[in-house]
Amino acid sequence: MATIMLVEDNEHVAEAFKRGMGFFDPLLSILHAHTLAEAEQLVQEHGESIRVIAWDGRLPDGNSWEGAIQKARTILPDIPMVAMSGDDGNKEKQVAAGCTVAPLYKHQAARVVIGLLRL
């Protein structure tokens, strides 16, 4: 069973993402962090089992593109990361941080994550 970590503070977006992922693969395990601090803890606790990280760019305790992704990369250097943000102004930062950029509408982000799991 593959494990995905979702870093998203908006419960509606998180639930839609989880439903989308369940549609594509009901056996996936999803770890959900609401803040960067929670994400860091989950990476430390479950790093070896996480196959993909899906990030929101703006979280209550900071901007994930500036620091958090680089921190995760030190622990999980080869893990695919997906940037899920409605803020197109951050695309350059997302790509520079090594993320695949996914749209937030319908099941598009889930499709991107599933595609990365199959690599």
Foldseek 3Di string as FASTA:
>chain_A
DAEEEEAAQDPVLVVLQVVLLCVVPVPYHYHYHQALVSVVVCCVVPVVRHQEYEYEQDGPVHGCLPPSLVVSCVSVVPHAYEYEYPDPVCPVSCVVSVYHYFYSDHSGSSVVVVVSSVD
